[in-house]
Amino acid sequence: MKSRPTRIKRTTTQRNNDRGRSPIVQSKPIWSQRARRLQLGSRDARAPFAPPEDWHEPTENGEDYRILVQEPGEGYAHVVSPEQVRERLARVPPKFLKGLEVVQFSRMTRKKMSFPCYGMQWGATLYLYPLEESREEIFHAPPRPETVNEAKMYGGRWDRPDDYSWRLTWSDSALEDFYLNNILIHELGHLVDDRNTSYTDRERYAEWFAIEHGYLASGGRVARRQKVTRRHHKS
């Protein structure tokens, strides 16, 4: 990131997008660009590390990945189902799944509410986070342009409920599209990236991977999303 983002307070869930340094071996995840767009502030690198998630030790046994589902938490709901995730990953070239061992549907806790989070990659595990049951996200500081445009690409609707907040509303179909063809594939991009080591390069690769293997590879939905982008990309 070229600059530290504005601190953002939200009335509901905050999201924490962490990325790992390598697809298998790493001591802790690295904060992602998407997280920094929404996050309350960047993590102090000098602070003691507190694991943000359950760590699943990579086995590298070559077996198929497994899916773990935790209760989403009161007021929250998982966006997609394990069956939808398996179906979507089945359409990814098999070589990209060799290092994947676990997909975890994580619970929302009080601690996790203090950071923005849609998804995370850590070691050989991809984590997907629940969203508010209302399917609404409230921002009390202007969201970054790339955050606005990315949500619009997948059908998210922005409005101003008052002079002090910005609201992002999702339909069920748009949110499933966003998670299956963007969040999930973005995190997979981090897992398969075994060449880049800097934060910027890893994020750039994951964004490219999500566009190439998610946005552009998702069939008929591309045409619908392109119409949304052309209509709303620039104000």
Protein backbone atom coordinates (compact mmCIF):
# COMPACT_ATOMS: atom_id res chain seq x y z
CA MET A 1 0.00 0.00 0.00
CA LYS A 2 1.27 3.48 -0.82
CA SER A 3 -0.45 5.08 2.13
CA ARG A 4 -2.12 4.05 5.34
CA PRO A 5 -5.91 3.87 4.90
CA THR A 6 -8.41 5.96 6.80
CA ARG A 7 -9.71 4.26 9.90
CA ILE A 8 -13.24 3.05 9.23
CA LYS A 9 -15.84 2.29 11.84
CA ARG A 10 -18.79 0.13 10.84
CA THR A 11 -21.95 -0.55 12.75
CA THR A 12 -21.83 -4.23 11.90
CA THR A 13 -19.15 -6.76 10.98
CA GLN A 14 -15.63 -5.70 10.15
CA ARG A 15 -13.60 -7.89 7.84
CA ASN A 16 -10.08 -9.20 8.10
CA ASN A 17 -8.46 -10.36 4.85
CA ASP A 18 -5.12 -11.97 5.68
CA ARG A 19 -2.75 -13.54 3.22
CA GLY A 20 0.11 -15.90 3.82
CA ARG A 21 3.62 -15.59 2.47
CA SER A 22 3.88 -19.04 0.95
CA PRO A 23 1.30 -21.58 -0.17
CA ILE A 24 2.26 -24.13 2.50
CA VAL A 25 4.84 -22.98 5.06
CA GLN A 26 4.43 -19.69 6.90
CA SER A 27 4.45 -18.48 10.48
CA LYS A 28 1.63 -15.99 10.19
CA PRO A 29 -0.60 -14.41 7.54
CA ILE A 30 -0.01 -11.06 5.91
CA TRP A 31 -2.71 -8.40 5.81
CA SER A 32 -4.17 -8.10 2.34
CA GLN A 33 -4.96 -5.12 0.20
CA ARG A 34 -8.67 -5.83 0.32
CA ALA A 35 -8.55 -5.88 4.11
CA ARG A 36 -6.70 -2.58 4.18
CA ARG A 37 -9.40 -0.99 2.06
CA LEU A 38 -12.00 -1.63 4.75
CA GLN A 39 -9.93 -2.18 7.84
CA LEU A 40 -9.87 -0.11 11.01
CA GLY A 41 -6.16 0.46 10.51
CA SER A 42 -3.04 -1.43 9.61
CA ARG A 43 -1.57 -3.89 12.07
CA ASP A 44 1.44 -2.76 14.08
CA ALA A 45 4.20 -5.10 12.88
CA ARG A 46 5.96 -4.72 16.24
CA ALA A 47 2.98 -5.94 18.23
CA PRO A 48 2.88 -9.56 19.48
CA PHE A 49 1.35 -11.87 16.92
CA ALA A 50 -2.07 -13.26 17.83
CA PRO A 51 -3.27 -16.01 15.47
CA PRO A 52 -6.43 -14.78 13.75
CA GLU A 53 -7.70 -18.26 12.96
CA ASP A 54 -7.51 -21.98 13.65
CA TRP A 55 -4.23 -23.26 12.23
CA HIS A 56 -4.46 -26.48 10.21
CA GLU A 57 -1.02 -28.03 9.94
CA PRO A 58 -0.29 -28.84 6.28
CA THR A 59 0.12 -32.59 5.69
CA GLU A 60 1.22 -32.48 2.03
CA ASN A 61 -0.20 -36.01 1.64
CA GLY A 62 -1.76 -35.31 -1.74
CA GLU A 63 -5.30 -36.11 -0.61
CA ASP A 64 -8.36 -34.13 -1.67
CA TYR A 65 -9.12 -31.01 0.34
CA ARG A 66 -11.75 -31.15 3.09
CA ILE A 67 -14.34 -28.59 4.10
CA LEU A 68 -14.97 -27.59 7.71
CA VAL A 69 -18.07 -25.63 8.67
CA GLN A 70 -18.34 -23.63 11.90
CA GLU A 71 -21.49 -21.95 13.18
CA PRO A 72 -21.51 -18.45 11.64
CA GLY A 73 -22.39 -16.60 14.85
CA GLU A 74 -25.48 -14.78 16.03
CA GLY A 75 -26.78 -12.37 13.42
CA TYR A 76 -24.55 -13.78 10.69
CA ALA A 77 -24.95 -16.32 7.91
CA HIS A 78 -22.55 -18.11 5.62
CA VAL A 79 -22.82 -16.76 2.10
CA VAL A 80 -22.31 -19.97 0.12
CA SER A 81 -22.57 -23.68 0.84
CA PRO A 82 -19.88 -26.37 0.83
CA GLU A 83 -21.53 -27.84 -2.26
CA GLN A 84 -21.23 -24.51 -4.09
CA VAL A 85 -17.56 -24.22 -3.14
CA ARG A 86 -16.80 -27.75 -4.35
CA GLU A 87 -18.64 -27.12 -7.60
CA ARG A 88 -16.76 -23.86 -8.19
CA LEU A 89 -13.35 -25.31 -7.38
CA ALA A 90 -14.08 -28.26 -9.67
CA ARG A 91 -14.02 -25.74 -12.54
CA VAL A 92 -10.53 -24.51 -11.64
CA PRO A 93 -7.59 -26.20 -13.40
CA PRO A 94 -6.62 -29.16 -11.14
CA LYS A 95 -3.00 -28.03 -10.89
CA PHE A 96 -4.13 -25.07 -8.77
CA LEU A 97 -5.72 -27.33 -6.15
CA LYS A 98 -2.67 -29.48 -5.40
CA GLY A 99 -1.66 -27.42 -2.37
CA LEU A 100 -5.17 -26.91 -1.00
CA GLU A 101 -5.99 -29.05 2.05
CA VAL A 102 -8.80 -27.28 3.92
CA VAL A 103 -11.58 -24.81 3.18
CA GLN A 104 -13.01 -23.52 6.45
CA PHE A 105 -16.30 -21.67 6.84
CA SER A 106 -15.31 -19.64 9.88
CA ARG A 107 -17.43 -18.26 12.70
CA MET A 108 -17.75 -14.59 13.46
CA THR A 109 -16.50 -13.74 16.94
CA ARG A 110 -16.23 -10.51 18.90
CA LYS A 111 -12.50 -10.42 18.24
CA LYS A 112 -12.95 -10.85 14.49
CA MET A 113 -15.51 -8.03 14.42
CA SER A 114 -12.66 -5.61 15.04
CA PHE A 115 -11.20 -6.31 11.58
CA PRO A 116 -12.80 -6.38 8.11
CA CYS A 117 -13.02 -9.87 6.70
CA TYR A 118 -14.42 -11.68 3.67
CA GLY A 119 -11.76 -14.35 3.30
CA MET A 120 -8.22 -15.34 4.18
CA GLN A 121 -5.47 -17.74 3.09
CA TRP A 122 -3.13 -19.15 5.70
CA GLY A 123 -0.91 -22.12 4.99
CA ALA A 124 -2.81 -24.76 3.02
CA THR A 125 -6.19 -23.46 4.20
CA LEU A 126 -8.68 -21.02 2.72
CA TYR A 127 -11.07 -19.31 5.15
CA LEU A 128 -14.45 -17.85 4.18
CA TYR A 129 -16.27 -15.54 6.60
CA PRO A 130 -20.00 -15.03 7.15
CA LEU A 131 -21.85 -11.82 6.45
CA GLU A 132 -24.61 -10.06 8.34
CA GLU A 133 -27.97 -11.73 7.80
CA SER A 134 -29.31 -8.38 6.61
CA ARG A 135 -26.84 -8.51 3.68
CA GLU A 136 -26.03 -4.87 4.40
CA GLU A 137 -22.66 -3.33 5.26
CA ILE A 138 -22.48 0.16 6.74
CA PHE A 139 -19.43 2.44 6.42
CA HIS A 140 -18.95 5.62 8.45
CA ALA A 141 -16.08 6.91 6.31
CA PRO A 142 -15.99 7.09 2.51
CA PRO A 143 -15.09 3.67 1.06
CA ARG A 144 -12.10 3.64 -1.26
CA PRO A 145 -12.89 3.85 -5.00
CA GLU A 146 -11.53 0.35 -5.67
CA THR A 147 -13.79 -1.03 -2.94
CA VAL A 148 -16.81 0.66 -4.51
CA ASN A 149 -15.96 -0.49 -8.02
CA GLU A 150 -15.17 -4.07 -7.01
CA ALA A 151 -18.53 -4.45 -5.26
CA LYS A 152 -20.35 -2.95 -8.25
CA MET A 153 -18.63 -5.38 -10.60
CA TYR A 154 -20.39 -8.21 -8.78
CA GLY A 155 -23.77 -6.54 -8.33
CA GLY A 156 -23.37 -4.80 -4.96
CA ARG A 157 -25.53 -1.66 -4.60
CA TRP A 158 -24.26 1.49 -2.89
CA ASP A 159 -26.37 4.28 -1.44
CA ARG A 160 -26.26 7.00 1.21
CA PRO A 161 -28.85 6.35 3.96
CA ASP A 162 -27.80 9.63 5.57
CA ASP A 163 -25.09 12.30 5.36
CA TYR A 164 -22.73 10.35 7.60
CA SER A 165 -22.70 6.83 6.21
CA TRP A 166 -22.38 4.70 3.09
CA ARG A 167 -24.37 1.47 2.69
CA LEU A 168 -23.48 -1.56 0.57
CA THR A 169 -26.42 -3.90 -0.05
CA TRP A 170 -26.20 -7.33 -1.65
CA SER A 171 -28.81 -9.59 -3.17
CA ASP A 172 -28.28 -13.29 -2.44
CA SER A 173 -27.27 -14.02 -6.05
CA ALA A 174 -24.84 -11.09 -6.24
CA LEU A 175 -23.22 -12.03 -2.95
CA GLU A 176 -22.79 -15.66 -4.01
CA ASP A 177 -21.21 -14.42 -7.25
CA PHE A 178 -18.87 -12.15 -5.27
CA TYR A 179 -17.73 -14.92 -2.94
CA LEU A 180 -17.47 -17.78 -5.45
CA ASN A 181 -15.89 -15.89 -8.34
CA ASN A 182 -13.87 -13.30 -6.46
CA ILE A 183 -13.16 -13.96 -2.77
CA LEU A 184 -12.65 -17.73 -3.07
CA ILE A 185 -10.55 -17.48 -6.23
CA HIS A 186 -8.53 -14.54 -4.88
CA GLU A 187 -7.55 -16.55 -1.80
CA LEU A 188 -6.70 -19.54 -3.97
CA GLY A 189 -4.44 -17.24 -5.96
CA HIS A 190 -2.49 -16.49 -2.81
CA LEU A 191 -2.13 -20.18 -2.09
CA VAL A 192 -0.74 -21.07 -5.52
CA ASP A 193 1.62 -18.08 -5.61
CA ASP A 194 4.98 -19.61 -4.75
CA ARG A 195 7.11 -17.00 -6.51
CA ASN A 196 6.28 -13.60 -5.07
CA THR A 197 7.38 -12.63 -1.58
CA SER A 198 6.53 -8.95 -1.20
CA TYR A 199 3.09 -7.89 -0.08
CA THR A 200 2.52 -5.75 -3.18
CA ASP A 201 3.56 -8.45 -5.64
CA ARG A 202 1.51 -11.13 -3.90
CA GLU A 203 -1.57 -8.95 -3.88
CA ARG A 204 -1.12 -7.99 -7.52
CA TYR A 205 -0.86 -11.66 -8.48
CA ALA A 206 -3.95 -12.64 -6.46
CA GLU A 207 -5.98 -9.83 -8.06
CA TRP A 208 -4.91 -10.99 -11.53
CA PHE A 209 -5.69 -14.61 -10.61
CA ALA A 210 -9.18 -13.66 -9.43
CA ILE A 211 -9.94 -11.79 -12.65
CA GLU A 212 -8.50 -14.50 -14.90
CA HIS A 213 -9.86 -17.59 -13.15
CA GLY A 214 -12.89 -16.08 -11.42
CA TYR A 215 -14.37 -13.05 -13.16
CA LEU A 216 -13.54 -14.01 -16.75
CA ALA A 217 -13.97 -17.75 -16.28
CA SER A 218 -17.43 -17.64 -14.73
CA GLY A 219 -19.49 -18.10 -17.88
CA GLY A 220 -22.75 -16.24 -18.48
CA ARG A 221 -22.41 -14.08 -15.41
CA VAL A 222 -19.60 -12.15 -17.06
CA ALA A 223 -21.97 -10.42 -19.49
CA ARG A 224 -24.24 -9.31 -16.63
CA ARG A 225 -21.32 -8.00 -14.60
CA GLN A 226 -19.83 -6.15 -17.58
CA LYS A 227 -23.13 -4.28 -17.97
CA VAL A 228 -22.97 -3.33 -14.30
CA THR A 229 -19.37 -2.17 -14.70
CA ARG A 230 -20.05 -0.05 -17.77
CA ARG A 231 -23.04 1.58 -16.13
CA HIS A 232 -21.46 2.28 -12.77
CA HIS A 233 -17.67 2.09 -13.12
CA LYS A 234 -17.26 5.86 -13.39
CA SER A 235 -19.49 8.50 -11.90
